[in-house]
Amino acid sequence: MDGKARFIFPVVMTAMMVFVVTLLVTIINLGVPPDFLWQWAKAYFLAWPVAAVSAYFAIPVARRVTGRIVAAIEGKP
């Protein structure tokens, strides 16, 4: 990925992943109480920046690890 996409991709990807994960975990932990949207939004907006910053460090590592795994599966050194 080049240019601006390199910076936009982690933000968009983590926004989608954190949306689903915080929604699921909030439902599991609280059910659906009257203040569900507030509780979920609080979890989402706390977790998303942490996930986005973490992604900037994790994505290059994940690419390298993925490359090594694929090479091992395909029998390449």
N, C-alpha and C. Protein backbone atom coordinates (compact mmCIF):
# COMPACT_ATOMS: atom_id res chain seq x y z
N MET A 1 0.84 -1.17 0.00
CA MET A 1 0.00 0.00 0.00
C MET A 1 0.88 1.24 0.00
N ASP A 2 0.47 2.22 -0.77
CA ASP A 2 1.29 3.42 -0.90
C ASP A 2 0.54 4.66 -0.47
N GLY A 3 1.29 5.70 -0.24
CA GLY A 3 0.73 7.01 0.01
C GLY A 3 -0.24 7.06 1.17
N LYS A 4 -1.31 7.79 0.95
CA LYS A 4 -2.30 8.02 2.01
C LYS A 4 -3.00 6.75 2.44
N ALA A 5 -3.15 5.81 1.53
CA ALA A 5 -3.83 4.55 1.85
C ALA A 5 -3.14 3.83 3.00
N ARG A 6 -1.83 3.97 3.08
CA ARG A 6 -1.06 3.33 4.14
C ARG A 6 -1.48 3.82 5.52
N PHE A 7 -1.96 5.06 5.60
CA PHE A 7 -2.39 5.63 6.87
C PHE A 7 -3.90 5.50 7.10
N ILE A 8 -4.66 5.48 6.03
CA ILE A 8 -6.12 5.41 6.13
C ILE A 8 -6.58 3.99 6.40
N PHE A 9 -5.95 3.01 5.76
CA PHE A 9 -6.36 1.61 5.90
C PHE A 9 -6.44 1.15 7.36
N PRO A 10 -5.42 1.34 8.19
CA PRO A 10 -5.52 0.86 9.58
C PRO A 10 -6.66 1.52 10.35
N VAL A 11 -6.93 2.78 10.08
CA VAL A 11 -8.01 3.48 10.78
C VAL A 11 -9.36 2.90 10.39
N VAL A 12 -9.57 2.68 9.09
CA VAL A 12 -10.85 2.13 8.62
C VAL A 12 -11.01 0.68 9.08
N MET A 13 -9.97 -0.11 8.94
CA MET A 13 -10.05 -1.52 9.32
C MET A 13 -10.32 -1.67 10.81
N THR A 14 -9.62 -0.93 11.63
CA THR A 14 -9.84 -1.04 13.07
C THR A 14 -11.21 -0.50 13.46
N ALA A 15 -11.71 0.51 12.77
CA ALA A 15 -13.05 1.03 13.07
C ALA A 15 -14.09 -0.07 12.89
N MET A 16 -13.97 -0.83 11.81
CA MET A 16 -14.93 -1.90 11.54
C MET A 16 -14.78 -3.05 12.54
N MET A 17 -13.56 -3.44 12.82
CA MET A 17 -13.33 -4.56 13.73
C MET A 17 -13.75 -4.21 15.15
N VAL A 18 -13.39 -3.02 15.60
CA VAL A 18 -13.74 -2.60 16.96
C VAL A 18 -15.26 -2.45 17.09
N PHE A 19 -15.92 -2.00 16.02
CA PHE A 19 -17.38 -1.90 16.03
C PHE A 19 -18.00 -3.24 16.38
N VAL A 20 -17.59 -4.28 15.66
CA VAL A 20 -18.17 -5.61 15.86
C VAL A 20 -17.78 -6.18 17.22
N VAL A 21 -16.51 -6.08 17.58
CA VAL A 21 -16.04 -6.70 18.82
C VAL A 21 -16.66 -6.02 20.04
N THR A 22 -16.66 -4.69 20.07
CA THR A 22 -17.23 -4.01 21.24
C THR A 22 -18.73 -4.24 21.32
N LEU A 23 -19.41 -4.31 20.19
CA LEU A 23 -20.84 -4.59 20.19
C LEU A 23 -21.10 -5.97 20.80
N LEU A 24 -20.37 -6.97 20.34
CA LEU A 24 -20.54 -8.33 20.83
C LEU A 24 -20.21 -8.44 22.32
N VAL A 25 -19.09 -7.89 22.73
CA VAL A 25 -18.67 -8.00 24.12
C VAL A 25 -19.61 -7.22 25.04
N THR A 26 -20.09 -6.08 24.60
CA THR A 26 -21.04 -5.32 25.40
C THR A 26 -22.34 -6.09 25.58
N ILE A 27 -22.83 -6.72 24.52
CA ILE A 27 -24.05 -7.53 24.63
C ILE A 27 -23.82 -8.71 25.56
N ILE A 28 -22.68 -9.38 25.42
CA ILE A 28 -22.39 -10.54 26.28
C ILE A 28 -22.31 -10.11 27.75
N ASN A 29 -21.65 -9.00 28.01
CA ASN A 29 -21.44 -8.58 29.40
C ASN A 29 -22.66 -7.93 30.04
N LEU A 30 -23.43 -7.16 29.25
CA LEU A 30 -24.51 -6.38 29.84
C LEU A 30 -25.90 -6.80 29.40
N GLY A 31 -26.00 -7.60 28.35
CA GLY A 31 -27.30 -7.83 27.74
C GLY A 31 -27.64 -6.58 26.94
N VAL A 32 -28.92 -6.22 26.93
CA VAL A 32 -29.32 -4.99 26.23
C VAL A 32 -30.13 -4.12 27.20
N PRO A 33 -29.43 -3.48 28.15
CA PRO A 33 -30.12 -2.62 29.12
C PRO A 33 -30.56 -1.31 28.45
N PRO A 34 -31.34 -0.49 29.14
CA PRO A 34 -31.80 0.77 28.55
C PRO A 34 -30.67 1.70 28.10
N ASP A 35 -29.55 1.65 28.80
CA ASP A 35 -28.42 2.52 28.42
C ASP A 35 -27.40 1.78 27.55
N PHE A 36 -27.86 0.76 26.83
CA PHE A 36 -26.95 -0.05 26.02
C PHE A 36 -26.14 0.79 25.03
N LEU A 37 -26.80 1.67 24.28
CA LEU A 37 -26.07 2.46 23.29
C LEU A 37 -24.98 3.30 23.93
N TRP A 38 -25.25 3.87 25.08
CA TRP A 38 -24.24 4.67 25.78
C TRP A 38 -23.06 3.78 26.20
N GLN A 39 -23.35 2.63 26.78
CA GLN A 39 -22.29 1.72 27.23
C GLN A 39 -21.46 1.20 26.05
N TRP A 40 -22.14 0.86 24.96
CA TRP A 40 -21.42 0.38 23.79
C TRP A 40 -20.57 1.49 23.19
N ALA A 41 -21.12 2.70 23.03
CA ALA A 41 -20.38 3.82 22.46
C ALA A 41 -19.16 4.15 23.30
N LYS A 42 -19.30 4.09 24.61
CA LYS A 42 -18.17 4.36 25.50
C LYS A 42 -17.04 3.35 25.25
N ALA A 43 -17.40 2.08 25.14
CA ALA A 43 -16.40 1.04 24.86
C ALA A 43 -15.78 1.23 23.48
N TYR A 44 -16.61 1.54 22.50
CA TYR A 44 -16.12 1.71 21.13
C TYR A 44 -15.12 2.86 21.03
N PHE A 45 -15.49 4.02 21.55
CA PHE A 45 -14.63 5.19 21.38
C PHE A 45 -13.40 5.16 22.28
N LEU A 46 -13.40 4.29 23.27
CA LEU A 46 -12.19 4.07 24.06
C LEU A 46 -11.26 3.09 23.33
N ALA A 47 -11.84 2.04 22.76
CA ALA A 47 -11.03 0.99 22.14
C ALA A 47 -10.51 1.35 20.76
N TRP A 48 -11.26 2.12 19.99
CA TRP A 48 -10.87 2.38 18.61
C TRP A 48 -9.52 3.09 18.48
N PRO A 49 -9.26 4.16 19.19
CA PRO A 49 -7.94 4.79 19.04
C PRO A 49 -6.79 3.86 19.44
N VAL A 50 -7.03 3.05 20.46
CA VAL A 50 -5.99 2.10 20.89
C VAL A 50 -5.73 1.09 19.77
N ALA A 51 -6.79 0.58 19.17
CA ALA A 51 -6.65 -0.38 18.08
C ALA A 51 -5.99 0.25 16.86
N ALA A 52 -6.37 1.48 16.53
CA ALA A 52 -5.80 2.14 15.35
C ALA A 52 -4.30 2.36 15.51
N VAL A 53 -3.88 2.85 16.67
CA VAL A 53 -2.45 3.07 16.91
C VAL A 53 -1.72 1.73 16.90
N SER A 54 -2.30 0.74 17.53
CA SER A 54 -1.68 -0.59 17.56
C SER A 54 -1.52 -1.17 16.16
N ALA A 55 -2.48 -0.90 15.30
CA ALA A 55 -2.45 -1.44 13.94
C ALA A 55 -1.26 -0.91 13.15
N TYR A 56 -0.87 0.33 13.39
CA TYR A 56 0.29 0.87 12.68
C TYR A 56 1.55 0.07 12.97
N PHE A 57 1.63 -0.50 14.16
CA PHE A 57 2.78 -1.33 14.52
C PHE A 57 2.56 -2.79 14.15
N ALA A 58 1.32 -3.26 14.25
CA ALA A 58 1.04 -4.68 14.04
C ALA A 58 0.99 -5.07 12.57
N ILE A 59 0.52 -4.20 11.71
CA ILE A 59 0.36 -4.57 10.29
C ILE A 59 1.69 -4.96 9.64
N PRO A 60 2.77 -4.19 9.81
CA PRO A 60 4.03 -4.64 9.18
C PRO A 60 4.51 -5.98 9.73
N VAL A 61 4.35 -6.20 11.01
CA VAL A 61 4.76 -7.47 11.62
C VAL A 61 3.89 -8.60 11.07
N ALA A 62 2.58 -8.37 10.99
CA ALA A 62 1.66 -9.39 10.47
C ALA A 62 1.98 -9.74 9.02
N ARG A 63 2.37 -8.73 8.24
CA ARG A 63 2.74 -9.01 6.84
C ARG A 63 3.97 -9.91 6.76
N ARG A 64 4.98 -9.61 7.59
CA ARG A 64 6.20 -10.43 7.59
C ARG A 64 5.90 -11.86 8.04
N VAL A 65 5.14 -12.00 9.11
CA VAL A 65 4.80 -13.33 9.63
C VAL A 65 3.99 -14.10 8.60
N THR A 66 3.04 -13.43 7.97
CA THR A 66 2.23 -14.07 6.93
C THR A 66 3.11 -14.54 5.78
N GLY A 67 4.05 -13.71 5.36
CA GLY A 67 4.97 -14.09 4.29
C GLY A 67 5.78 -15.33 4.65
N ARG A 68 6.23 -15.40 5.90
CA ARG A 68 7.01 -16.56 6.34
C ARG A 68 6.15 -17.82 6.40
N ILE A 69 4.93 -17.68 6.88
CA ILE A 69 4.04 -18.83 6.95
C ILE A 69 3.72 -19.36 5.55
N VAL A 70 3.41 -18.45 4.65
CA VAL A 70 3.10 -18.86 3.26
C VAL A 70 4.32 -19.52 2.62
N ALA A 71 5.49 -18.95 2.85
CA ALA A 71 6.71 -19.54 2.29
C ALA A 71 6.94 -20.93 2.85
N ALA A 72 6.68 -21.12 4.15
CA ALA A 72 6.87 -22.44 4.76
C ALA A 72 5.87 -23.44 4.19
N ILE A 73 4.63 -23.00 3.98
CA ILE A 73 3.60 -23.88 3.42
C ILE A 73 3.96 -24.29 2.00
N GLU A 74 4.49 -23.34 1.24
CA GLU A 74 4.84 -23.60 -0.16
C GLU A 74 6.21 -24.25 -0.31
N GLY A 75 6.93 -24.44 0.81
CA GLY A 75 8.22 -25.09 0.77
C GLY A 75 9.36 -24.21 0.27
N LYS A 76 9.20 -22.91 0.37
CA LYS A 76 10.25 -21.99 -0.07
C LYS A 76 11.10 -21.60 1.14
N PRO A 77 12.38 -21.37 0.92
CA PRO A 77 13.27 -21.00 2.03
C PRO A 77 12.97 -19.61 2.56
